[in-house]
Amino acid sequence: MKPEEFRAEAHRMVDWMADYLAGVGSYPVVPTTRPGEVRAAIAARAPEQPESMSRITADFERIILPGMTHWGHPGFFAYFPTGSTPVSLLAEMLTTTLGAQCMSWQTSPAATELEQVMMEWLRQMIGLPASFTGVIQDTASTATLVALITARDRLTVPVAKATVYTSSEAHSSVLKGARMAGFAEDHVRLVPVDAAYAMRPGALAALLASDVAQGLVPTAIVATVGTTASTGLDPLPPIADLAEEYGAWLHVDAAYAGSAAILPEIRPILEGVERADSFLMNPHKWLAVHFDCTAYFVRDVAALHRSFSATPEYLRTAHDPEVVNYRDWGIQLGRRFRALKLWFAIRHYGVAGLQNMVRGHIAMAQGFARRVAETAEWELMAPVPLGLVCFRHVPAGMVDGPDLDEHNRRLLARVNASGRVYLTHASLGGRYAIRLALGHAATTQAAVDEAWALLVTAVSGEG
């Protein structure tokens, strides 16, 4: 494709993109596509001859678009949101145009140095102490794996004796990461939680003492600030006390909730984080940047390098002694230019603008929670410290058990079948809970109101 052809196609595509962003709310949030339907509509063999862009884009709209879940829809309240915004999209377009390989300073000097500055901006925005140094990883799962590998590599005993601790509400990536880092599956301890679904320090202390008595070596503790199911907040100060007592690496996973710490009134959720060895947050969830972009902060950069530094002769440059080479800061050798979208988004919104957005989402969640709490036969299932509400409908006379779980399962299915909103579920204390998660820049109070109206209608049998 010649530059002028590209220009014409790009203009048409940007017009389509702008129309999509303006009208995404008109699509069903979740498609009605059946398994295998999209695959069956795509040619089984690659074309022998070139095809026109008009035909390719027509097939995109005919085959792909109807099979997509629209994460940018105002009614998307599932899982946790992505922070996609038009300004971030523009930065991604430039990133892709540049096609930069950002593994070292030499391969992209501006990308490396912008990433250094962006990590410093984020560190300041959420109130981390200057003892932390940041790097962009692709996802929180990767960042947690990086932390666990770094913790493992500090061991002076065989990894077979090592133990890892995390709460029973921790993200599944902790268990997966521990396995990938070489820890025995039966040496990963799931610490019981309290009524607010936060790790119980007393239970952690008992597990640590028991393992040491058996000759095992506590190696890593993964605390969660904002669990996936309910945004439970593990208490960091007593957990840090135990990590220091037993010499374990303390990693803090604040993938969703960490972004909320840009608000001074929310920052106390990170009390004690200054004593952690590593910390992560996902700007791509709540700070207006597209997936993927995980900020990973570490206190002992030398320990990180010992685990991940690898410099073959063909990558050596004269500048290595005086620059940062991010290929030595994680698993990936090849790296995308992720810092650019952070720079664009933070400058476009300003810290105050991002604070207003996050504060608004929290206010919407609090308002939704009040509706639940104040309406007969509705029940909150967990505290609501941030932008996630967990709740259920409890008909008069129905008690905890499979019937109540099934009632809420059917209720959620009816609501999602409307195509107007998309909510997901979780299991809290063995009970089925419906989740409404806020955090997308496109979320409006009207969409939250519509979600509540659809829930009430579905209960009445009119949905």
Protein backbone atom coordinates (compact mmCIF):
# COMPACT_ATOMS: atom_id res chain seq x y z
CA MET A 1 0.00 0.00 0.00
CA LYS A 2 1.48 3.32 -1.07
CA PRO A 3 1.44 6.33 1.28
CA GLU A 4 -1.38 8.07 -0.58
CA GLU A 5 -3.50 4.93 -0.59
CA PHE A 6 -2.79 4.57 3.10
CA ARG A 7 -3.85 8.18 3.69
CA ALA A 8 -7.21 7.63 2.01
CA GLU A 9 -7.89 4.34 3.81
CA ALA A 10 -6.78 5.79 7.13
CA HIS A 11 -9.13 8.77 6.79
CA ARG A 12 -12.03 6.43 6.10
CA MET A 13 -11.06 4.24 9.03
CA VAL A 14 -10.69 7.17 11.45
CA ASP A 15 -14.15 8.35 10.42
CA TRP A 16 -15.45 4.86 11.23
CA MET A 17 -13.61 4.89 14.57
CA ALA A 18 -15.08 8.25 15.54
CA ASP A 19 -18.57 7.05 14.60
CA TYR A 20 -18.04 3.88 16.64
CA LEU A 21 -16.94 5.81 19.73
CA ALA A 22 -19.94 8.12 19.40
CA GLY A 23 -22.42 5.30 18.85
CA VAL A 24 -21.03 2.34 20.79
CA GLY A 25 -23.96 2.62 23.18
CA SER A 26 -26.32 1.58 20.40
CA TYR A 27 -24.78 -1.90 20.12
CA PRO A 28 -25.74 -4.82 22.34
CA VAL A 29 -22.99 -4.93 24.98
CA VAL A 30 -22.55 -8.69 24.56
CA PRO A 31 -23.14 -10.39 21.21
CA THR A 32 -25.58 -13.24 20.69
CA THR A 33 -22.93 -15.10 18.70
CA ARG A 34 -22.95 -18.88 19.07
CA PRO A 35 -19.69 -20.82 19.57
CA GLY A 36 -18.02 -21.47 16.21
CA GLU A 37 -20.20 -19.00 14.30
CA VAL A 38 -17.46 -16.48 13.57
CA ARG A 39 -14.95 -19.16 12.70
CA ALA A 40 -17.38 -20.71 10.23
CA ALA A 41 -17.81 -17.37 8.46
CA ILE A 42 -14.07 -16.98 7.80
CA ALA A 43 -12.41 -18.69 4.83
CA ALA A 44 -10.69 -21.91 5.85
CA ARG A 45 -7.61 -21.12 3.75
CA ALA A 46 -5.61 -17.93 3.27
CA PRO A 47 -6.30 -16.15 -0.05
CA GLU A 48 -3.80 -16.79 -2.84
CA GLN A 49 -4.30 -13.34 -4.37
CA PRO A 50 -4.48 -9.86 -2.79
CA GLU A 51 -7.89 -8.64 -1.67
CA SER A 52 -9.13 -5.05 -1.65
CA MET A 53 -9.37 -3.02 1.54
CA SER A 54 -13.03 -2.41 0.80
CA ARG A 55 -13.70 -6.14 0.89
CA ILE A 56 -11.59 -6.64 4.02
CA THR A 57 -13.30 -3.84 5.94
CA ALA A 58 -16.72 -5.00 4.77
CA ASP A 59 -15.99 -8.44 6.20
CA PHE A 60 -14.82 -6.80 9.42
CA GLU A 61 -18.20 -5.15 9.81
CA ARG A 62 -20.13 -8.23 8.64
CA ILE A 63 -18.27 -10.95 10.57
CA ILE A 64 -16.13 -9.49 13.35
CA LEU A 65 -18.08 -6.54 14.73
CA PRO A 66 -21.29 -8.51 15.45
CA GLY A 67 -19.22 -11.00 17.43
CA MET A 68 -17.51 -8.47 19.69
CA THR A 69 -18.21 -7.63 23.32
CA HIS A 70 -18.08 -3.85 23.56
CA TRP A 71 -15.92 -3.01 26.56
CA GLY A 72 -16.29 0.71 25.87
CA HIS A 73 -20.10 0.57 26.04
CA PRO A 74 -21.62 2.84 28.72
CA GLY A 75 -23.47 -0.23 30.03
CA PHE A 76 -20.34 -2.37 30.46
CA PHE A 77 -20.17 -3.12 34.19
CA ALA A 78 -18.53 -6.55 33.98
CA TYR A 79 -15.22 -7.82 35.36
CA PHE A 80 -13.17 -4.63 35.69
CA PRO A 81 -13.27 -1.95 33.00
CA THR A 82 -10.60 -0.97 30.50
CA GLY A 83 -9.49 2.63 30.51
CA SER A 84 -9.76 3.19 26.77
CA THR A 85 -10.25 6.82 25.75
CA PRO A 86 -9.95 8.72 22.45
CA VAL A 87 -6.71 10.39 23.52
CA SER A 88 -5.15 7.04 24.40
CA LEU A 89 -6.35 5.66 21.07
CA LEU A 90 -4.57 8.49 19.27
CA ALA A 91 -1.36 7.67 21.13
CA GLU A 92 -1.74 4.00 20.22
CA MET A 93 -2.06 4.98 16.57
CA LEU A 94 1.23 6.85 16.78
CA THR A 95 2.86 3.98 18.67
CA THR A 96 1.83 1.55 15.96
CA THR A 97 2.93 3.94 13.23
CA LEU A 98 6.39 4.28 14.75
CA GLY A 99 6.64 0.51 15.12
CA ALA A 100 9.34 0.96 17.74
CA GLN A 101 11.05 -1.93 19.48
CA CYS A 102 11.70 -0.52 22.96
CA MET A 103 13.85 -3.21 24.55
CA SER A 104 16.78 -0.90 25.26
CA TRP A 105 17.78 2.73 25.31
CA GLN A 106 19.68 2.36 22.05
CA THR A 107 16.71 0.90 20.17
CA SER A 108 14.40 3.78 21.23
CA PRO A 109 16.02 6.45 23.43
CA ALA A 110 12.91 8.63 23.69
CA ALA A 111 10.69 5.67 24.59
CA THR A 112 13.01 4.59 27.41
CA GLU A 113 13.36 8.04 28.91
CA LEU A 114 9.65 8.84 28.59
CA GLU A 115 8.88 5.60 30.44
CA GLN A 116 11.24 6.64 33.24
CA VAL A 117 9.44 9.95 33.60
CA MET A 118 5.95 8.43 33.37
CA MET A 119 6.75 5.96 36.15
CA GLU A 120 7.92 8.86 38.26
CA TRP A 121 4.71 10.78 37.50
CA LEU A 122 2.61 7.78 38.55
CA ARG A 123 4.69 7.21 41.67
CA GLN A 124 4.05 10.77 42.76
CA MET A 125 0.36 10.68 41.78
CA ILE A 126 -0.42 7.71 44.04
CA GLY A 127 1.91 8.73 46.86
CA LEU A 128 4.52 5.98 46.70
CA PRO A 129 7.81 6.91 48.40
CA ALA A 130 10.89 7.73 46.34
CA SER A 131 12.42 4.39 47.34
CA PHE A 132 10.32 2.77 44.57
CA THR A 133 11.39 2.69 40.94
CA GLY A 134 8.87 1.84 38.23
CA VAL A 135 8.72 -0.02 34.95
CA ILE A 136 5.82 -0.76 32.60
CA GLN A 137 4.86 -4.43 32.31
CA ASP A 138 2.14 -5.66 29.97
CA THR A 139 -0.33 -6.99 32.56
CA ALA A 140 -0.69 -7.51 36.30
CA SER A 141 -0.32 -11.25 35.78
CA THR A 142 3.13 -10.72 34.30
CA ALA A 143 4.11 -8.24 37.02
CA THR A 144 3.10 -10.69 39.75
CA LEU A 145 5.13 -13.42 38.05
CA VAL A 146 8.11 -11.04 37.93
CA ALA A 147 7.76 -10.42 41.68
CA LEU A 148 7.55 -14.14 42.46
CA ILE A 149 10.58 -14.97 40.32
CA THR A 150 12.57 -12.21 42.01
CA ALA A 151 11.54 -13.53 45.42
CA ARG A 152 12.49 -17.07 44.40
CA ASP A 153 15.91 -15.99 43.22
CA ARG A 154 16.79 -14.60 46.65
CA LEU A 155 16.49 -18.09 48.13
CA THR A 156 19.55 -19.70 49.67
CA VAL A 157 17.78 -23.06 49.97
CA PRO A 158 16.17 -25.31 47.33
CA VAL A 159 12.90 -23.94 45.95
CA ALA A 160 11.26 -27.19 47.05
CA LYS A 161 11.36 -25.81 50.61
CA ALA A 162 9.88 -22.43 49.67
CA THR A 163 6.34 -21.30 50.52
CA VAL A 164 4.11 -18.54 49.15
CA TYR A 165 1.17 -16.90 50.92
CA THR A 166 -1.83 -15.03 49.54
CA SER A 167 -5.46 -14.64 50.52
CA SER A 168 -8.20 -17.00 49.47
CA GLU A 169 -9.66 -14.01 47.57
CA ALA A 170 -6.47 -13.26 45.61
CA HIS A 171 -6.51 -13.20 41.83
CA SER A 172 -5.92 -16.51 40.10
CA SER A 173 -2.74 -15.06 38.55
CA VAL A 174 -1.01 -15.45 41.91
CA LEU A 175 -1.49 -19.23 41.93
CA LYS A 176 -0.60 -19.45 38.25
CA GLY A 177 2.44 -17.24 38.72
CA ALA A 178 3.67 -19.26 41.69
CA ARG A 179 3.45 -22.44 39.65
CA MET A 180 5.27 -20.83 36.71
CA ALA A 181 7.97 -19.52 39.05
CA GLY A 182 8.65 -23.06 40.23
CA PHE A 183 6.96 -23.09 43.62
CA ALA A 184 5.31 -26.37 44.56
CA GLU A 185 1.55 -26.10 44.22
CA ASP A 186 1.02 -27.56 47.69
CA HIS A 187 3.35 -24.91 49.13
CA VAL A 188 1.08 -22.01 48.14
CA ARG A 189 -0.99 -21.11 51.20
CA LEU A 190 -4.42 -19.52 50.80
CA VAL A 191 -4.92 -17.39 53.89
CA PRO A 192 -8.48 -17.13 55.24
CA VAL A 193 -10.27 -13.79 55.01
CA ASP A 194 -12.50 -11.80 57.34
CA ALA A 195 -16.09 -10.63 56.86
CA ALA A 196 -14.86 -7.86 54.52
CA TYR A 197 -12.97 -10.43 52.40
CA ALA A 198 -9.58 -9.12 53.49
CA MET A 199 -6.67 -11.31 54.56
CA ARG A 200 -6.60 -12.14 58.29
CA PRO A 201 -3.12 -11.33 59.65
CA GLY A 202 -3.60 -13.73 62.55
CA ALA A 203 -4.28 -16.58 60.15
CA LEU A 204 -1.23 -15.60 58.10
CA ALA A 205 0.92 -15.59 61.24
CA ALA A 206 -0.27 -19.08 62.18
CA LEU A 207 0.55 -20.46 58.70
CA LEU A 208 3.99 -18.87 58.71
CA ALA A 209 4.85 -20.27 62.13
CA SER A 210 3.58 -23.72 61.21
CA ASP A 211 5.62 -23.83 58.00
CA VAL A 212 8.81 -22.72 59.70
CA ALA A 213 8.31 -25.40 62.34
CA GLN A 214 8.20 -27.95 59.52
CA GLY A 215 11.48 -26.71 58.06
CA LEU A 216 9.92 -24.73 55.21
CA VAL A 217 11.05 -21.24 54.15
CA PRO A 218 8.47 -18.43 53.77
CA THR A 219 9.56 -16.76 50.54
CA ALA A 220 6.81 -14.47 49.27
CA ILE A 221 3.62 -12.91 50.58
CA VAL A 222 1.21 -11.45 48.02
CA ALA A 223 -1.22 -8.95 49.53
CA THR A 224 -4.16 -7.64 47.53
CA VAL A 225 -5.51 -4.10 47.72
CA GLY A 226 -8.81 -4.45 45.88
CA THR A 227 -9.60 -8.11 45.29
CA THR A 228 -11.23 -9.09 42.01
CA ALA A 229 -14.44 -10.49 43.48
CA SER A 230 -15.26 -7.70 45.92
CA THR A 231 -12.39 -5.13 46.19
CA GLY A 232 -11.41 -6.51 49.58
CA LEU A 233 -8.50 -4.56 51.07
CA ASP A 234 -5.79 -6.61 52.77
CA PRO A 235 -4.33 -4.73 55.79
CA LEU A 236 -0.77 -3.94 54.75
CA PRO A 237 0.87 -2.82 58.05
CA PRO A 238 0.43 -6.12 59.97
CA ILE A 239 1.21 -8.12 56.83
CA ALA A 240 4.40 -6.08 56.37
CA ASP A 241 5.32 -6.82 60.00
CA LEU A 242 5.11 -10.54 59.29
CA ALA A 243 6.99 -10.26 55.98
CA GLU A 244 9.85 -8.53 57.79
CA GLU A 245 9.81 -11.00 60.67
CA TYR A 246 10.11 -13.99 58.34
CA GLY A 247 12.24 -12.39 55.64
CA ALA A 248 9.61 -12.88 52.92
CA TRP A 249 9.28 -10.73 49.81
CA LEU A 250 6.09 -8.66 50.10
CA HIS A 251 4.33 -7.98 46.82
CA VAL A 252 1.19 -5.82 46.72
CA ASP A 253 -1.33 -6.35 43.93
CA ALA A 254 -3.45 -3.21 43.53
CA ALA A 255 -4.33 -3.76 39.88
CA TYR A 256 -7.70 -2.00 40.00
CA ALA A 257 -7.69 -0.16 43.30
CA GLY A 258 -4.23 1.36 42.99
CA SER A 259 -5.44 3.97 40.53
CA ALA A 260 -7.92 5.27 43.09
CA ALA A 261 -4.96 6.29 45.27
CA ILE A 262 -4.60 9.40 43.09
CA LEU A 263 -7.39 10.69 45.36
CA PRO A 264 -6.03 12.00 48.70
CA GLU A 265 -9.12 10.70 50.50
CA ILE A 266 -8.55 7.18 49.13
CA ARG A 267 -4.79 7.03 49.58
CA PRO A 268 -5.05 5.46 53.07
CA ILE A 269 -5.90 2.13 51.37
CA LEU A 270 -2.16 1.97 50.61
CA GLU A 271 -1.05 2.60 54.19
CA GLY A 272 1.99 0.41 54.77
CA VAL A 273 2.84 0.00 51.08
CA GLU A 274 6.16 1.78 51.65
CA ARG A 275 7.31 -1.42 53.39
CA ALA A 276 6.49 -3.65 50.42
CA ASP A 277 9.20 -4.97 48.12
CA SER A 278 7.07 -4.58 45.00
CA PHE A 279 3.75 -3.05 44.00
CA LEU A 280 1.59 -3.03 40.88
CA MET A 281 -1.35 -1.10 39.51
CA ASN A 282 -3.10 -1.07 36.13
CA PRO A 283 -3.52 2.37 34.57
CA HIS A 284 -5.35 0.51 31.79
CA LYS A 285 -8.21 -0.18 34.21
CA TRP A 286 -8.98 3.24 35.62
CA LEU A 287 -6.62 5.92 34.34
CA ALA A 288 -7.83 6.47 30.78
CA VAL A 289 -5.25 4.41 28.88
CA HIS A 290 -5.84 1.42 26.63
CA PHE A 291 -4.94 -2.12 27.53
CA ASP A 292 -2.20 -3.11 28.09
CA CYS A 293 -0.29 -1.00 30.62
CA THR A 294 0.69 -2.23 34.08
CA ALA A 295 2.86 -0.10 36.33
CA TYR A 296 5.24 -2.25 38.39
CA PHE A 297 7.26 -0.64 41.17
CA VAL A 298 10.14 -2.26 43.01
CA ARG A 299 12.42 -1.16 45.84
CA ASP A 300 15.41 -3.41 45.10
CA VAL A 301 16.19 -2.81 41.43
CA ALA A 302 19.39 -4.83 41.75
CA ALA A 303 17.39 -7.91 42.77
CA LEU A 304 15.15 -7.43 39.75
CA HIS A 305 18.17 -7.23 37.47
CA ARG A 306 19.73 -10.34 38.94
CA SER A 307 16.64 -12.27 37.89
CA PHE A 308 16.07 -10.76 34.45
CA SER A 309 19.26 -9.24 33.10
CA ALA A 310 20.62 -10.97 30.01
CA THR A 311 22.96 -9.08 27.71
CA PRO A 312 24.37 -11.06 24.80
CA GLU A 313 27.09 -9.41 22.78
CA TYR A 314 24.74 -8.40 19.96
CA LEU A 315 22.71 -6.23 22.38
CA ARG A 316 25.64 -4.45 24.01
CA THR A 317 26.09 -0.73 23.30
CA ALA A 318 28.52 1.96 24.36
CA HIS A 319 25.77 3.69 26.39
CA ASP A 320 24.86 0.70 28.60
CA PRO A 321 26.72 1.92 31.73
CA GLU A 322 24.81 5.21 31.79
CA VAL A 323 21.27 4.29 30.63
CA VAL A 324 18.32 2.08 31.52
CA ASN A 325 17.71 -0.96 29.34
CA TYR A 326 14.20 -2.14 30.17
CA ARG A 327 14.80 -5.56 28.63
CA ASP A 328 16.51 -6.30 31.98
CA TRP A 329 13.43 -5.32 34.03
CA GLY A 330 11.07 -8.15 33.21
CA ILE A 331 10.30 -11.25 31.19
CA GLN A 332 9.98 -9.69 27.76
CA LEU A 333 12.91 -8.82 25.55
CA GLY A 334 10.77 -7.07 22.95
CA ARG A 335 8.68 -4.22 24.35
CA ARG A 336 6.01 -1.91 22.97
CA PHE A 337 6.11 1.86 23.45
CA ARG A 338 3.46 1.86 26.18
CA ALA A 339 4.60 5.05 27.89
CA LEU A 340 3.33 7.25 25.06
CA LYS A 341 -0.35 6.66 25.84
CA LEU A 342 0.28 7.42 29.51
CA TRP A 343 1.92 10.70 28.58
CA PHE A 344 -0.94 11.65 26.29
CA ALA A 345 -3.69 10.69 28.75
CA ILE A 346 -2.20 12.30 31.85
CA ARG A 347 -1.48 15.52 29.98
CA HIS A 348 -4.90 15.56 28.27
CA TYR A 349 -6.89 15.06 31.47
CA GLY A 350 -4.46 16.50 33.98
CA VAL A 351 -4.21 14.96 37.42
CA ALA A 352 -7.26 16.94 38.51
CA GLY A 353 -9.30 15.63 35.58
CA LEU A 354 -8.36 12.02 36.33
CA GLN A 355 -9.19 12.59 39.99
CA ASN A 356 -12.60 13.96 39.06
CA MET A 357 -13.30 10.93 36.87
CA VAL A 358 -12.32 8.40 39.56
CA ARG A 359 -14.14 10.34 42.24
CA GLY A 360 -17.25 10.40 40.07
CA HIS A 361 -17.17 6.63 39.55
CA ILE A 362 -16.83 6.04 43.28
CA ALA A 363 -19.78 8.36 43.91
CA MET A 364 -21.89 6.44 41.37
CA ALA A 365 -21.00 3.16 43.08
CA GLN A 366 -21.90 4.57 46.48
CA GLY A 367 -25.23 5.78 45.12
CA PHE A 368 -25.98 2.37 43.61
CA ALA A 369 -25.04 0.71 46.90
CA ARG A 370 -27.45 2.96 48.78
CA ARG A 371 -30.26 1.94 46.43
CA VAL A 372 -29.52 -1.71 47.11
CA ALA A 373 -29.30 -1.24 50.86
CA GLU A 374 -32.47 0.84 51.06
CA THR A 375 -34.67 -1.36 48.85
CA ALA A 376 -36.59 -4.27 50.32
CA GLU A 377 -35.43 -7.74 49.24
CA TRP A 378 -32.05 -6.47 47.99
CA GLU A 379 -28.84 -7.07 49.90
CA LEU A 380 -25.25 -5.80 49.72
CA MET A 381 -22.80 -8.70 49.80
CA ALA A 382 -19.59 -6.79 50.61
CA PRO A 383 -18.36 -3.33 51.60
CA VAL A 384 -18.14 -0.78 48.80
CA PRO A 385 -14.87 1.12 49.30
CA LEU A 386 -14.38 2.00 45.63
CA GLY A 387 -16.19 1.47 42.32
CA LEU A 388 -17.47 -2.10 42.67
CA VAL A 389 -20.82 -3.13 44.16
CA CYS A 390 -21.57 -6.77 45.04
CA PHE A 391 -25.20 -7.54 45.76
CA ARG A 392 -28.06 -9.98 45.33
CA HIS A 393 -31.83 -10.17 45.37
CA VAL A 394 -33.34 -12.09 48.30
CA PRO A 395 -37.07 -12.77 47.82
CA ALA A 396 -39.13 -12.91 50.97
CA GLY A 397 -38.96 -16.33 52.54
CA MET A 398 -35.95 -17.53 50.53
CA VAL A 399 -32.88 -18.45 52.57
CA ASP A 400 -29.22 -19.00 51.72
CA GLY A 401 -28.67 -22.02 49.56
CA PRO A 402 -28.72 -23.35 46.00
CA ASP A 403 -32.22 -22.00 45.28
CA LEU A 404 -31.23 -18.45 46.15
CA ASP A 405 -28.04 -18.74 44.10
CA GLU A 406 -30.01 -20.05 41.13
CA HIS A 407 -32.56 -17.25 41.50
CA ASN A 408 -29.81 -14.63 41.20
CA ARG A 409 -28.13 -16.52 38.39
CA ARG A 410 -31.35 -16.38 36.38
CA LEU A 411 -31.85 -12.74 37.33
CA LEU A 412 -28.42 -11.81 36.02
CA ALA A 413 -29.03 -13.73 32.78
CA ARG A 414 -32.31 -11.84 32.19
CA VAL A 415 -30.64 -8.48 32.75
CA ASN A 416 -27.70 -9.25 30.46
CA ALA A 417 -30.07 -10.58 27.79
CA SER A 418 -31.40 -7.04 27.38
CA GLY A 419 -28.20 -6.12 25.53
CA ARG A 420 -28.20 -2.79 27.34
CA VAL A 421 -25.86 -3.69 30.20
CA TYR A 422 -23.39 -6.40 31.09
CA LEU A 423 -22.78 -7.44 34.69
CA THR A 424 -20.88 -10.47 35.95
CA HIS A 425 -20.92 -12.54 39.13
CA ALA A 426 -18.66 -13.78 41.89
CA SER A 427 -18.76 -16.25 44.74
CA LEU A 428 -18.43 -14.58 48.14
CA GLY A 429 -18.35 -16.85 51.14
CA GLY A 430 -19.82 -19.59 48.97
CA ARG A 431 -22.77 -17.39 47.97
CA TYR A 432 -23.64 -16.15 44.48
CA ALA A 433 -23.19 -12.39 44.13
CA ILE A 434 -23.89 -10.05 41.22
CA ARG A 435 -21.13 -7.53 40.50
CA LEU A 436 -21.48 -4.03 39.08
CA ALA A 437 -18.02 -2.59 38.34
CA LEU A 438 -17.47 1.04 37.40
CA GLY A 439 -14.37 2.74 36.04
CA HIS A 440 -14.77 3.33 32.31
CA ALA A 441 -14.44 6.91 31.08
CA ALA A 442 -17.70 6.46 29.12
CA THR A 443 -19.72 5.45 32.19
CA THR A 444 -22.58 7.80 32.97
CA GLN A 445 -25.06 8.11 35.80
CA ALA A 446 -27.79 7.42 33.26
CA ALA A 447 -26.21 4.05 32.45
CA VAL A 448 -25.99 3.17 36.15
CA ASP A 449 -29.64 4.16 36.58
CA GLU A 450 -30.57 1.97 33.63
CA ALA A 451 -28.76 -0.99 35.18
CA TRP A 452 -30.78 -0.62 38.37
CA ALA A 453 -34.03 -0.23 36.43
CA LEU A 454 -33.31 -3.39 34.45
CA LEU A 455 -32.58 -5.32 37.65
CA VAL A 456 -35.82 -4.19 39.27
CA THR A 457 -37.80 -4.95 36.13
CA ALA A 458 -36.24 -8.39 35.83
CA VAL A 459 -37.25 -9.18 39.41
CA SER A 460 -40.83 -8.17 38.73
CA GLY A 461 -40.94 -10.64 35.85
CA GLU A 462 -41.44 -7.97 33.21
CA GLY A 463 -37.89 -8.28 31.76
